[in-house]
Structure formats: C-alpha cells, structure tokens
Amino acid sequence: MKSKRHRAAQKGGGEALQRGGRKHRKPVFTLPPERVVEQCLKDGRDLICAGQVLAVQKLMQAAGWPIAVLAKRAHVSVSHLSEFLRLKKFLTCQLMRRIAGAFGLKLSQVDHLAEDLAGC
C-alpha cells in the first residue's frame, strides 16, 4: 500500500518526492557567509575556522542538504553542526573527516576549499 504523500505526488497534487520519499528543506544558515569571516576576526580566531564553516556551507548548498541530512550522513549531532556553523564550537579533525566523507570528499579537499574561501 502506498502512502498518502506518494499517492498525492503521483496525482500531481504536490511537488516531486526526493530520495527516500522525503522532501527536505533547503539549507538555512543563521550566520550568512559575509559575516562568517567578520565574526572570526572579531573573536580573534584564525581565518581557517571561517574557511571551514564557509566550505561546509558551500557543500551543503551544492548538495541541497539541510543540517539534519548532513548530520545523519556524517554521524554528527545536529546541535554540534549548528553550533559549528554559528562559530560557537569547532570540529575535531575526525568530525571534519566524517563531514568530508558524507560529501564523498577527502579531508584534504575540504581543507583546500576552506583555505580558498577564507583567503588564507
């Protein structure tokens, strides 16, 4: 038996379903990219921190993943990712490796992207 959502999508009563039959929100960031570098400098942090946040934001936007999807695929809590994207917490090398893996990338590739975006 098909779900109501699936039947509605077949009838044309809704938008097409995404993978797994679920519709996800687009990524929403509380700290816009323009302010990430500004906030890092204000807090006296190294620019690579801003670069990592910007790299993850860019990868999430390219994939169309909200925080919940990235958290599930990278096995990182939503709250930890949220605090990372707001520059409240920072990720260990192991967590960054999991995030890179969720996007099908190596950690070094994400690091290069982070350096480029932060202007390091």
PDB file of N, CA and C in Angstrom:
ATOM      1  N   MET A   1       0.838  -1.172   0.000  1.00  0.00           N
ATOM      2  CA  MET A   1       0.000   0.000   0.000  1.00  0.00           C
ATOM      3  C   MET A   1       0.892   1.248   0.000  1.00  0.00           C
ATOM      4  N   LYS A   2       0.556   2.206  -0.819  1.00  0.00           N
ATOM      5  CA  LYS A   2       1.345   3.429  -0.939  1.00  0.00           C
ATOM      6  C   LYS A   2       0.866   4.474   0.059  1.00  0.00           C
ATOM      7  N   SER A   3       1.813   5.309   0.487  1.00  0.00           N
ATOM      8  CA  SER A   3       1.473   6.347   1.460  1.00  0.00           C
ATOM      9  C   SER A   3       0.665   7.459   0.808  1.00  0.00           C
ATOM     10  N   LYS A   4       0.041   8.273   1.654  1.00  0.00           N
ATOM     11  CA  LYS A   4      -0.739   9.407   1.151  1.00  0.00           C
ATOM     12  C   LYS A   4       0.149  10.360   0.366  1.00  0.00           C
ATOM     13  N   ARG A   5       1.339  10.589   0.878  1.00  0.00           N
ATOM     14  CA  ARG A   5       2.266  11.501   0.208  1.00  0.00           C
ATOM     15  C   ARG A   5       2.621  10.987  -1.178  1.00  0.00           C
ATOM     16  N   HIS A   6       2.887   9.668  -1.266  1.00  0.00           N
ATOM     17  CA  HIS A   6       3.251   9.084  -2.547  1.00  0.00           C
ATOM     18  C   HIS A   6       2.093   9.166  -3.538  1.00  0.00           C
ATOM     19  N   ARG A   7       0.885   8.862  -3.080  1.00  0.00           N
ATOM     20  CA  ARG A   7      -0.289   8.942  -3.955  1.00  0.00           C
ATOM     21  C   ARG A   7      -0.534  10.382  -4.417  1.00  0.00           C
ATOM     22  N   ALA A   8      -0.359  11.351  -3.511  1.00  0.00           N
ATOM     23  CA  ALA A   8      -0.562  12.757  -3.868  1.00  0.00           C
ATOM     24  C   ALA A   8       0.452  13.195  -4.918  1.00  0.00           C
ATOM     25  N   ALA A   9       1.692  12.735  -4.779  1.00  0.00           N
ATOM     26  CA  ALA A   9       2.724  13.094  -5.752  1.00  0.00           C
ATOM     27  C   ALA A   9       2.411  12.491  -7.117  1.00  0.00           C
ATOM     28  N   GLN A  10       1.877  11.278  -7.122  1.00  0.00           N
ATOM     29  CA  GLN A  10       1.531  10.648  -8.396  1.00  0.00           C
ATOM     30  C   GLN A  10       0.379  11.364  -9.085  1.00  0.00           C
ATOM     31  N   LYS A  11      -0.564  11.870  -8.305  1.00  0.00           N
ATOM     32  CA  LYS A  11      -1.701  12.587  -8.876  1.00  0.00           C
ATOM     33  C   LYS A  11      -1.322  13.981  -9.335  1.00  0.00           C
ATOM     34  N   GLY A  12      -0.156  14.447  -8.933  1.00  0.00           N
ATOM     35  CA  GLY A  12       0.255  15.800  -9.283  1.00  0.00           C
ATOM     36  C   GLY A  12      -0.200  16.808  -8.254  1.00  0.00           C
ATOM     37  N   GLY A  13      -0.590  16.328  -7.088  1.00  0.00           N
ATOM     38  CA  GLY A  13      -1.068  17.215  -6.037  1.00  0.00           C
ATOM     39  C   GLY A  13       0.027  17.781  -5.181  1.00  0.00           C
ATOM     40  N   GLY A  14       1.255  17.564  -5.536  1.00  0.00           N
ATOM     41  CA  GLY A  14       2.366  18.093  -4.744  1.00  0.00           C
ATOM     42  C   GLY A  14       3.630  18.070  -5.557  1.00  0.00           C
ATOM     43  N   GLU A  15       4.687  18.574  -4.975  1.00  0.00           N
ATOM     44  CA  GLU A  15       5.963  18.566  -5.666  1.00  0.00           C
ATOM     45  C   GLU A  15       6.508  17.146  -5.704  1.00  0.00           C
ATOM     46  N   ALA A  16       7.420  16.910  -6.621  1.00  0.00           N
ATOM     47  CA  ALA A  16       8.008  15.581  -6.742  1.00  0.00           C
ATOM     48  C   ALA A  16       8.740  15.222  -5.455  1.00  0.00           C
ATOM     49  N   LEU A  17       8.689  13.949  -5.127  1.00  0.00           N
ATOM     50  CA  LEU A  17       9.367  13.478  -3.930  1.00  0.00           C
ATOM     51  C   LEU A  17      10.855  13.393  -4.192  1.00  0.00           C
ATOM     52  N   GLN A  18      11.618  13.653  -3.178  1.00  0.00           N
ATOM     53  CA  GLN A  18      13.053  13.495  -3.294  1.00  0.00           C
ATOM     54  C   GLN A  18      13.416  12.084  -2.881  1.00  0.00           C
ATOM     55  N   ARG A  19      14.727  11.789  -2.868  1.00  0.00           N
ATOM     56  CA  ARG A  19      15.197  10.463  -2.499  1.00  0.00           C
ATOM     57  C   ARG A  19      14.560   9.989  -1.208  1.00  0.00           C
ATOM     58  N   GLY A  20      14.223   8.744  -1.173  1.00  0.00           N
ATOM     59  CA  GLY A  20      13.684   8.156   0.032  1.00  0.00           C
ATOM     60  C   GLY A  20      12.252   8.574   0.312  1.00  0.00           C
ATOM     61  N   GLY A  21      11.610   9.246  -0.640  1.00  0.00           N
ATOM     62  CA  GLY A  21      10.226   9.643  -0.451  1.00  0.00           C
ATOM     63  C   GLY A  21      10.052  10.818   0.490  1.00  0.00           C
ATOM     64  N   ARG A  22      11.118  11.508   0.827  1.00  0.00           N
ATOM     65  CA  ARG A  22      11.007  12.632   1.753  1.00  0.00           C
ATOM     66  C   ARG A  22      11.395  13.926   1.071  1.00  0.00           C
ATOM     67  N   LYS A  23      10.746  14.968   1.475  1.00  0.00           N
ATOM     68  CA  LYS A  23      11.034  16.289   0.960  1.00  0.00           C
ATOM     69  C   LYS A  23      11.822  17.028   2.039  1.00  0.00           C
ATOM     70  N   HIS A  24      12.956  17.605   1.681  1.00  0.00           N
ATOM     71  CA  HIS A  24      13.801  18.282   2.655  1.00  0.00           C
ATOM     72  C   HIS A  24      13.791  19.782   2.419  1.00  0.00           C
ATOM     73  N   ARG A  25      13.977  20.520   3.509  1.00  0.00           N
ATOM     74  CA  ARG A  25      14.136  21.966   3.396  1.00  0.00           C
ATOM     75  C   ARG A  25      15.497  22.275   2.802  1.00  0.00           C
ATOM     76  N   LYS A  26      15.600  23.437   2.194  1.00  0.00           N
ATOM     77  CA  LYS A  26      16.896  23.886   1.700  1.00  0.00           C
ATOM     78  C   LYS A  26      17.741  24.321   2.896  1.00  0.00           C
ATOM     79  N   PRO A  27      19.075  24.315   2.743  1.00  0.00           N
ATOM     80  CA  PRO A  27      19.921  24.741   3.854  1.00  0.00           C
ATOM     81  C   PRO A  27      19.639  26.190   4.230  1.00  0.00           C
ATOM     82  N   VAL A  28      19.559  26.444   5.520  1.00  0.00           N
ATOM     83  CA  VAL A  28      19.349  27.791   6.041  1.00  0.00           C
ATOM     84  C   VAL A  28      20.455  28.053   7.060  1.00  0.00           C
ATOM     85  N   PHE A  29      21.164  29.146   6.888  1.00  0.00           N
ATOM     86  CA  PHE A  29      22.276  29.460   7.783  1.00  0.00           C
ATOM     87  C   PHE A  29      21.961  30.719   8.569  1.00  0.00           C
ATOM     88  N   THR A  30      22.121  30.638   9.894  1.00  0.00           N
ATOM     89  CA  THR A  30      21.839  31.803  10.728  1.00  0.00           C
ATOM     90  C   THR A  30      22.937  32.849  10.606  1.00  0.00           C
ATOM     91  N   LEU A  31      24.124  32.421  10.244  1.00  0.00           N
ATOM     92  CA  LEU A  31      25.236  33.343  10.054  1.00  0.00           C
ATOM     93  C   LEU A  31      25.575  33.357   8.568  1.00  0.00           C
ATOM     94  N   PRO A  32      25.195  34.437   7.852  1.00  0.00           N
ATOM     95  CA  PRO A  32      25.442  34.464   6.407  1.00  0.00           C
ATOM     96  C   PRO A  32      26.940  34.458   6.090  1.00  0.00           C
ATOM     97  N   PRO A  33      27.306  33.961   4.914  1.00  0.00           N
ATOM     98  CA  PRO A  33      28.721  33.859   4.547  1.00  0.00           C
ATOM     99  C   PRO A  33      29.511  35.164   4.699  1.00  0.00           C
ATOM    100  N   GLU A  34      28.867  36.297   4.425  1.00  0.00           N
ATOM    101  CA  GLU A  34      29.574  37.580   4.532  1.00  0.00           C
ATOM    102  C   GLU A  34      30.035  37.855   5.969  1.00  0.00           C
ATOM    103  N   ARG A  35      29.270  37.360   6.913  1.00  0.00           N
ATOM    104  CA  ARG A  35      29.554  37.659   8.315  1.00  0.00           C
ATOM    105  C   ARG A  35      30.455  36.633   8.990  1.00  0.00           C
ATOM    106  N   VAL A  36      30.678  35.496   8.342  1.00  0.00           N
ATOM    107  CA  VAL A  36      31.484  34.445   8.962  1.00  0.00           C
ATOM    108  C   VAL A  36      32.906  34.927   9.205  1.00  0.00           C
ATOM    109  N   VAL A  37      33.547  35.477   8.169  1.00  0.00           N
ATOM    110  CA  VAL A  37      34.925  35.960   8.312  1.00  0.00           C
ATOM    111  C   VAL A  37      34.968  37.117   9.310  1.00  0.00           C
ATOM    112  N   GLU A  38      34.014  38.017   9.202  1.00  0.00           N
ATOM    113  CA  GLU A  38      33.928  39.154  10.113  1.00  0.00           C
ATOM    114  C   GLU A  38      33.846  38.699  11.573  1.00  0.00           C
ATOM    115  N   GLN A  39      33.025  37.696  11.827  1.00  0.00           N
ATOM    116  CA  GLN A  39      32.849  37.189  13.193  1.00  0.00           C
ATOM    117  C   GLN A  39      34.120  36.507  13.701  1.00  0.00           C
ATOM    118  N   CYS A  40      34.802  35.761  12.827  1.00  0.00           N
ATOM    119  CA  CYS A  40      36.052  35.106  13.222  1.00  0.00           C
ATOM    120  C   CYS A  40      37.104  36.141  13.607  1.00  0.00           C
ATOM    121  N   LEU A  41      37.234  37.165  12.798  1.00  0.00           N
ATOM    122  CA  LEU A  41      38.209  38.214  13.096  1.00  0.00           C
ATOM    123  C   LEU A  41      37.859  38.940  14.395  1.00  0.00           C
ATOM    124  N   LYS A  42      36.589  39.198  14.575  1.00  0.00           N
ATOM    125  CA  LYS A  42      36.124  39.868  15.787  1.00  0.00           C
ATOM    126  C   LYS A  42      36.444  39.041  17.038  1.00  0.00           C
ATOM    127  N   ASP A  43      36.307  37.718  16.930  1.00  0.00           N
ATOM    128  CA  ASP A  43      36.571  36.828  18.059  1.00  0.00           C
ATOM    129  C   ASP A  43      38.054  36.486  18.219  1.00  0.00           C
ATOM    130  N   GLY A  44      38.902  36.998  17.316  1.00  0.00           N
ATOM    131  CA  GLY A  44      40.339  36.748  17.395  1.00  0.00           C
ATOM    132  C   GLY A  44      40.731  35.334  16.979  1.00  0.00           C
ATOM    133  N   ARG A  45      39.948  34.725  16.127  1.00  0.00           N
ATOM    134  CA  ARG A  45      40.230  33.366  15.662  1.00  0.00           C
ATOM    135  C   ARG A  45      40.987  33.399  14.333  1.00  0.00           C
ATOM    136  N   ASP A  46      41.617  32.290  14.025  1.00  0.00           N
ATOM    137  CA  ASP A  46      42.321  32.139  12.765  1.00  0.00           C
ATOM    138  C   ASP A  46      41.309  32.048  11.626  1.00  0.00           C
ATOM    139  N   LEU A  47      41.683  32.524  10.449  1.00  0.00           N
ATOM    140  CA  LEU A  47      40.761  32.524   9.309  1.00  0.00           C
ATOM    141  C   LEU A  47      40.402  31.129   8.804  1.00  0.00           C
ATOM    142  N   ILE A  48      41.220  30.117   9.146  1.00  0.00           N
ATOM    143  CA  ILE A  48      40.882  28.768   8.690  1.00  0.00           C
ATOM    144  C   ILE A  48      39.569  28.300   9.317  1.00  0.00           C
ATOM    145  N   CYS A  49      39.248  28.804  10.502  1.00  0.00           N
ATOM    146  CA  CYS A  49      37.960  28.462  11.134  1.00  0.00           C
ATOM    147  C   CYS A  49      36.807  28.970  10.272  1.00  0.00           C
ATOM    148  N   ALA A  50      36.936  30.190   9.808  1.00  0.00           N
ATOM    149  CA  ALA A  50      35.919  30.756   8.918  1.00  0.00           C
ATOM    150  C   ALA A  50      35.868  29.967   7.619  1.00  0.00           C
ATOM    151  N   GLY A  51      37.023  29.578   7.116  1.00  0.00           N
ATOM    152  CA  GLY A  51      37.089  28.816   5.882  1.00  0.00           C
ATOM    153  C   GLY A  51      36.388  27.473   5.988  1.00  0.00           C
ATOM    154  N   GLN A  52      36.543  26.805   7.128  1.00  0.00           N
ATOM    155  CA  GLN A  52      35.868  25.518   7.317  1.00  0.00           C
ATOM    156  C   GLN A  52      34.353  25.694   7.323  1.00  0.00           C
ATOM    157  N   VAL A  53      33.879  26.714   8.013  1.00  0.00           N
ATOM    158  CA  VAL A  53      32.439  26.976   8.051  1.00  0.00           C
ATOM    159  C   VAL A  53      31.937  27.298   6.647  1.00  0.00           C
ATOM    160  N   LEU A  54      32.644  28.166   5.939  1.00  0.00           N
ATOM    161  CA  LEU A  54      32.238  28.536   4.584  1.00  0.00           C
ATOM    162  C   LEU A  54      32.260  27.335   3.642  1.00  0.00           C
ATOM    163  N   ALA A  55      33.260  26.457   3.806  1.00  0.00           N
ATOM    164  CA  ALA A  55      33.353  25.269   2.954  1.00  0.00           C
ATOM    165  C   ALA A  55      32.160  24.338   3.197  1.00  0.00           C
ATOM    166  N   VAL A  56      31.814  24.118   4.461  1.00  0.00           N
ATOM    167  CA  VAL A  56      30.686  23.243   4.775  1.00  0.00           C
ATOM    168  C   VAL A  56      29.390  23.871   4.270  1.00  0.00           C
ATOM    169  N   GLN A  57      29.237  25.185   4.440  1.00  0.00           N
ATOM    170  CA  GLN A  57      28.045  25.870   3.933  1.00  0.00           C
ATOM    171  C   GLN A  57      27.929  25.691   2.424  1.00  0.00           C
ATOM    172  N   LYS A  58      29.041  25.890   1.725  1.00  0.00           N
ATOM    173  CA  LYS A  58      29.028  25.788   0.261  1.00  0.00           C
ATOM    174  C   LYS A  58      28.693  24.366  -0.185  1.00  0.00           C
ATOM    175  N   LEU A  59      29.260  23.376   0.490  1.00  0.00           N
ATOM    176  CA  LEU A  59      28.985  21.983   0.137  1.00  0.00           C
ATOM    177  C   LEU A  59      27.530  21.621   0.425  1.00  0.00           C
ATOM    178  N   MET A  60      26.996  22.121   1.532  1.00  0.00           N
ATOM    179  CA  MET A  60      25.589  21.869   1.859  1.00  0.00           C
ATOM    180  C   MET A  60      24.671  22.494   0.816  1.00  0.00           C
ATOM    181  N   GLN A  61      24.987  23.722   0.399  1.00  0.00           N
ATOM    182  CA  GLN A  61      24.173  24.385  -0.615  1.00  0.00           C
ATOM    183  C   GLN A  61      24.238  23.640  -1.946  1.00  0.00           C
ATOM    184  N   ALA A  62      25.439  23.205  -2.324  1.00  0.00           N
ATOM    185  CA  ALA A  62      25.596  22.483  -3.593  1.00  0.00           C
ATOM    186  C   ALA A  62      24.823  21.168  -3.587  1.00  0.00           C
ATOM    187  N   ALA A  63      24.811  20.498  -2.430  1.00  0.00           N
ATOM    188  CA  ALA A  63      24.096  19.225  -2.322  1.00  0.00           C
ATOM    189  C   ALA A  63      22.610  19.432  -2.046  1.00  0.00           C
ATOM    190  N   GLY A  64      22.253  20.638  -1.591  1.00  0.00           N
ATOM    191  CA  GLY A  64      20.862  20.912  -1.230  1.00  0.00           C
ATOM    192  C   GLY A  64      20.461  20.254   0.079  1.00  0.00           C
ATOM    193  N   TRP A  65      21.431  20.070   0.967  1.00  0.00           N
ATOM    194  CA  TRP A  65      21.190  19.387   2.234  1.00  0.00           C
ATOM    195  C   TRP A  65      20.976  20.364   3.374  1.00  0.00           C
ATOM    196  N   PRO A  66      19.929  20.188   4.152  1.00  0.00           N
ATOM    197  CA  PRO A  66      19.817  20.927   5.410  1.00  0.00           C
ATOM    198  C   PRO A  66      20.708  20.265   6.460  1.00  0.00           C
ATOM    199  N   ILE A  67      20.816  20.873   7.608  1.00  0.00           N
ATOM    200  CA  ILE A  67      21.684  20.362   8.667  1.00  0.00           C
ATOM    201  C   ILE A  67      21.315  18.932   9.053  1.00  0.00           C
ATOM    202  N   ALA A  68      20.036  18.624   9.113  1.00  0.00           N
ATOM    203  CA  ALA A  68      19.606  17.288   9.546  1.00  0.00           C
ATOM    204  C   ALA A  68      20.133  16.190   8.622  1.00  0.00           C
ATOM    205  N   VAL A  69      20.144  16.446   7.337  1.00  0.00           N
ATOM    206  CA  VAL A  69      20.634  15.444   6.385  1.00  0.00           C
ATOM    207  C   VAL A  69      22.137  15.258   6.547  1.00  0.00           C
ATOM    208  N   LEU A  70      22.882  16.364   6.638  1.00  0.00           N
ATOM    209  CA  LEU A  70      24.325  16.261   6.828  1.00  0.00           C
ATOM    210  C   LEU A  70      24.640  15.547   8.138  1.00  0.00           C
ATOM    211  N   ALA A  71      23.926  15.884   9.190  1.00  0.00           N
ATOM    212  CA  ALA A  71      24.162  15.259  10.497  1.00  0.00           C
ATOM    213  C   ALA A  71      23.979  13.746  10.405  1.00  0.00           C
ATOM    214  N   LYS A  72      22.949  13.332   9.729  1.00  0.00           N
ATOM    215  CA  LYS A  72      22.672  11.897   9.610  1.00  0.00           C
ATOM    216  C   LYS A  72      23.754  11.200   8.789  1.00  0.00           C
ATOM    217  N   ARG A  73      24.140  11.793   7.681  1.00  0.00           N
ATOM    218  CA  ARG A  73      25.127  11.157   6.795  1.00  0.00           C
ATOM    219  C   ARG A  73      26.536  11.174   7.384  1.00  0.00           C
ATOM    220  N   ALA A  74      26.844  12.204   8.193  1.00  0.00           N
ATOM    221  CA  ALA A  74      28.189  12.323   8.768  1.00  0.00           C
ATOM    222  C   ALA A  74      28.276  11.760  10.188  1.00  0.00           C
ATOM    223  N   HIS A  75      27.148  11.355  10.744  1.00  0.00           N
ATOM    224  CA  HIS A  75      27.103  10.836  12.118  1.00  0.00           C
ATOM    225  C   HIS A  75      27.627  11.868  13.118  1.00  0.00           C
ATOM    226  N   VAL A  76      27.111  13.079  12.974  1.00  0.00           N
ATOM    227  CA  VAL A  76      27.425  14.188  13.872  1.00  0.00           C
ATOM    228  C   VAL A  76      26.087  14.748  14.338  1.00  0.00           C
ATOM    229  N   SER A  77      26.008  15.186  15.582  1.00  0.00           N
ATOM    230  CA  SER A  77      24.720  15.683  16.073  1.00  0.00           C
ATOM    231  C   SER A  77      24.340  16.993  15.383  1.00  0.00           C
ATOM    232  N   VAL A  78      23.049  17.203  15.245  1.00  0.00           N
ATOM    233  CA  VAL A  78      22.529  18.424  14.630  1.00  0.00           C
ATOM    234  C   VAL A  78      22.956  19.636  15.455  1.00  0.00           C
ATOM    235  N   SER A  79      22.895  19.520  16.772  1.00  0.00           N
ATOM    236  CA  SER A  79      23.254  20.658  17.624  1.00  0.00           C
ATOM    237  C   SER A  79      24.731  21.020  17.476  1.00  0.00           C
ATOM    238  N   HIS A  80      25.591  20.012  17.357  1.00  0.00           N
ATOM    239  CA  HIS A  80      27.025  20.297  17.188  1.00  0.00           C
ATOM    240  C   HIS A  80      27.274  20.983  15.847  1.00  0.00           C
ATOM    241  N   LEU A  81      26.625  20.488  14.792  1.00  0.00           N
ATOM    242  CA  LEU A  81      26.775  21.133  13.484  1.00  0.00           C
ATOM    243  C   LEU A  81      26.242  22.558  13.504  1.00  0.00           C
ATOM    244  N   SER A  82      25.110  22.751  14.146  1.00  0.00           N
ATOM    245  CA  SER A  82      24.516  24.082  14.228  1.00  0.00           C
ATOM    246  C   SER A  82      25.458  25.056  14.936  1.00  0.00           C
ATOM    247  N   GLU A  83      26.037  24.614  16.043  1.00  0.00           N
ATOM    248  CA  GLU A  83      26.970  25.480  16.776  1.00  0.00           C
ATOM    249  C   GLU A  83      28.239  25.734  15.974  1.00  0.00           C
ATOM    250  N   PHE A  84      28.675  24.740  15.207  1.00  0.00           N
ATOM    251  CA  PHE A  84      29.839  24.911  14.333  1.00  0.00           C
ATOM    252  C   PHE A  84      29.560  25.967  13.265  1.00  0.00           C
ATOM    253  N   LEU A  85      28.387  25.881  12.640  1.00  0.00           N
ATOM    254  CA  LEU A  85      28.040  26.836  11.578  1.00  0.00           C
ATOM    255  C   LEU A  85      27.824  28.248  12.105  1.00  0.00           C
ATOM    256  N   ARG A  86      27.592  28.379  13.424  1.00  0.00           N
ATOM    257  CA  ARG A  86      27.443  29.702  14.058  1.00  0.00           C
ATOM    258  C   ARG A  86      28.724  30.135  14.756  1.00  0.00           C
ATOM    259  N   LEU A  87      29.818  29.383  14.553  1.00  0.00           N
ATOM    260  CA  LEU A  87      31.131  29.674  15.140  1.00  0.00           C
ATOM    261  C   LEU A  87      31.135  29.639  16.664  1.00  0.00           C
ATOM    262  N   LYS A  88      30.295  28.785  17.236  1.00  0.00           N
ATOM    263  CA  LYS A  88      30.253  28.632  18.693  1.00  0.00           C
ATOM    264  C   LYS A  88      31.107  27.463  19.143  1.00  0.00           C
ATOM    265  N   LYS A  89      31.218  26.439  18.308  1.00  0.00           N
ATOM    266  CA  LYS A  89      32.045  25.260  18.565  1.00  0.00           C
ATOM    267  C   LYS A  89      32.831  24.961  17.308  1.00  0.00           C
ATOM    268  N   PHE A  90      33.903  24.229  17.479  1.00  0.00           N
ATOM    269  CA  PHE A  90      34.699  23.851  16.322  1.00  0.00           C
ATOM    270  C   PHE A  90      34.822  22.341  16.276  1.00  0.00           C
ATOM    271  N   LEU A  91      35.054  21.827  15.099  1.00  0.00           N
ATOM    272  CA  LEU A  91      35.071  20.391  14.891  1.00  0.00           C
ATOM    273  C   LEU A  91      36.481  19.836  14.972  1.00  0.00           C
ATOM    274  N   THR A  92      36.575  18.624  15.493  1.00  0.00           N
ATOM    275  CA  THR A  92      37.853  17.940  15.521  1.00  0.00           C
ATOM    276  C   THR A  92      38.178  17.458  14.111  1.00  0.00           C
ATOM    277  N   CYS A  93      39.395  17.039  13.934  1.00  0.00           N
ATOM    278  CA  CYS A  93      39.823  16.512  12.638  1.00  0.00           C
ATOM    279  C   CYS A  93      38.967  15.302  12.256  1.00  0.00           C
ATOM    280  N   GLN A  94      38.642  14.468  13.232  1.00  0.00           N
ATOM    281  CA  GLN A  94      37.833  13.278  12.979  1.00  0.00           C
ATOM    282  C   GLN A  94      36.432  13.658  12.488  1.00  0.00           C
ATOM    283  N   LEU A  95      35.819  14.667  13.111  1.00  0.00           N
ATOM    284  CA  LEU A  95      34.485  15.084  12.685  1.00  0.00           C
ATOM    285  C   LEU A  95      34.525  15.736  11.307  1.00  0.00           C
ATOM    286  N   MET A  96      35.564  16.513  11.033  1.00  0.00           N
ATOM    287  CA  MET A  96      35.697  17.110   9.697  1.00  0.00           C
ATOM    288  C   MET A  96      35.883  16.008   8.647  1.00  0.00           C
ATOM    289  N   ARG A  97      36.595  14.949   9.013  1.00  0.00           N
ATOM    290  CA  ARG A  97      36.791  13.829   8.088  1.00  0.00           C
ATOM    291  C   ARG A  97      35.441  13.156   7.797  1.00  0.00           C
ATOM    292  N   ARG A  98      34.590  13.021   8.817  1.00  0.00           N
ATOM    293  CA  ARG A  98      33.265  12.424   8.609  1.00  0.00           C
ATOM    294  C   ARG A  98      32.407  13.299   7.698  1.00  0.00           C
ATOM    295  N   ILE A  99      32.484  14.604   7.903  1.00  0.00           N
ATOM    296  CA  ILE A  99      31.712  15.528   7.074  1.00  0.00           C
ATOM    297  C   ILE A  99      32.196  15.465   5.623  1.00  0.00           C
ATOM    298  N   ALA A 100      33.518  15.472   5.440  1.00  0.00           N
ATOM    299  CA  ALA A 100      34.072  15.356   4.094  1.00  0.00           C
ATOM    300  C   ALA A 100      33.595  14.067   3.435  1.00  0.00           C
ATOM    301  N   GLY A 101      33.627  12.971   4.191  1.00  0.00           N
ATOM    302  CA  GLY A 101      33.194  11.682   3.676  1.00  0.00           C
ATOM    303  C   GLY A 101      31.719  11.672   3.294  1.00  0.00           C
ATOM    304  N   ALA A 102      30.908  12.403   4.036  1.00  0.00           N
ATOM    305  CA  ALA A 102      29.473  12.483   3.725  1.00  0.00           C
ATOM    306  C   ALA A 102      29.253  13.088   2.343  1.00  0.00           C
ATOM    307  N   PHE A 103      30.142  13.992   1.946  1.00  0.00           N
ATOM    308  CA  PHE A 103      30.045  14.614   0.617  1.00  0.00           C
ATOM    309  C   PHE A 103      30.842  13.852  -0.439  1.00  0.00           C
ATOM    310  N   GLY A 104      31.470  12.749  -0.035  1.00  0.00           N
ATOM    311  CA  GLY A 104      32.264  11.965  -0.972  1.00  0.00           C
ATOM    312  C   GLY A 104      33.623  12.585  -1.254  1.00  0.00           C
ATOM    313  N   LEU A 105      34.126  13.357  -0.305  1.00  0.00           N
ATOM    314  CA  LEU A 105      35.413  14.041  -0.467  1.00  0.00           C
ATOM    315  C   LEU A 105      36.405  13.562   0.578  1.00  0.00           C
ATOM    316  N   LYS A 106      37.676  13.876   0.343  1.00  0.00           N
ATOM    317  CA  LYS A 106      38.720  13.638   1.340  1.00  0.00           C
ATOM    318  C   LYS A 106      38.858  14.899   2.184  1.00  0.00           C
ATOM    319  N   LEU A 107      39.388  14.740   3.376  1.00  0.00           N
ATOM    320  CA  LEU A 107      39.587  15.875   4.273  1.00  0.00           C
ATOM    321  C   LEU A 107      40.474  16.936   3.626  1.00  0.00           C
ATOM    322  N   SER A 108      41.492  16.509   2.896  1.00  0.00           N
ATOM    323  CA  SER A 108      42.399  17.464   2.255  1.00  0.00           C
ATOM    324  C   SER A 108      41.661  18.330   1.226  1.00  0.00           C
ATOM    325  N   GLN A 109      40.673  17.760   0.553  1.00  0.00           N
ATOM    326  CA  GLN A 109      39.904  18.527  -0.425  1.00  0.00           C
ATOM    327  C   GLN A 109      39.070  19.606   0.259  1.00  0.00           C
ATOM    328  N   VAL A 110      38.481  19.262   1.394  1.00  0.00           N
ATOM    329  CA  VAL A 110      37.701  20.242   2.151  1.00  0.00           C
ATOM    330  C   VAL A 110      38.621  21.317   2.712  1.00  0.00           C
ATOM    331  N   ASP A 111      39.815  20.917   3.162  1.00  0.00           N
ATOM    332  CA  ASP A 111      40.781  21.890   3.682  1.00  0.00           C
ATOM    333  C   ASP A 111      41.207  22.882   2.599  1.00  0.00           C
ATOM    334  N   HIS A 112      41.452  22.388   1.393  1.00  0.00           N
ATOM    335  CA  HIS A 112      41.822  23.289   0.289  1.00  0.00           C
ATOM    336  C   HIS A 112      40.694  24.262  -0.038  1.00  0.00           C
ATOM    337  N   LEU A 113      39.478  23.751  -0.034  1.00  0.00           N
ATOM    338  CA  LEU A 113      38.315  24.612  -0.266  1.00  0.00           C
ATOM    339  C   LEU A 113      38.202  25.666   0.836  1.00  0.00           C
ATOM    340  N   ALA A 114      38.421  25.254   2.075  1.00  0.00           N
ATOM    341  CA  ALA A 114      38.360  26.169   3.208  1.00  0.00           C
ATOM    342  C   ALA A 114      39.419  27.272   3.081  1.00  0.00           C
ATOM    343  N   GLU A 115      40.619  26.890   2.701  1.00  0.00           N
ATOM    344  CA  GLU A 115      41.689  27.882   2.530  1.00  0.00           C
ATOM    345  C   GLU A 115      41.361  28.865   1.417  1.00  0.00           C
ATOM    346  N   ASP A 116      40.822  28.376   0.316  1.00  0.00           N
ATOM    347  CA  ASP A 116      40.454  29.248  -0.796  1.00  0.00           C
ATOM    348  C   ASP A 116      39.360  30.224  -0.397  1.00  0.00           C
ATOM    349  N   LEU A 117      38.348  29.726   0.314  1.00  0.00           N
ATOM    350  CA  LEU A 117      37.211  30.580   0.685  1.00  0.00           C
ATOM    351  C   LEU A 117      37.574  31.614   1.750  1.00  0.00           C
ATOM    352  N   ALA A 118      38.518  31.275   2.614  1.00  0.00           N
ATOM    353  CA  ALA A 118      38.913  32.214   3.676  1.00  0.00           C
ATOM    354  C   ALA A 118      40.015  33.160   3.222  1.00  0.00           C
ATOM    355  N   GLY A 119      40.628  32.866   2.091  1.00  0.00           N
ATOM    356  CA  GLY A 119      41.699  33.722   1.602  1.00  0.00           C
ATOM    357  C   GLY A 119      42.996  33.519   2.364  1.00  0.00           C
ATOM    358  N   CYS A 120      43.228  32.306   2.841  1.00  0.00           N
ATOM    359  CA  CYS A 120      44.453  32.005   3.609  1.00  0.00           C
ATOM    360  C   CYS A 120      45.637  31.826   2.687  1.00  0.00           C
TER     361      CYS A 120
END
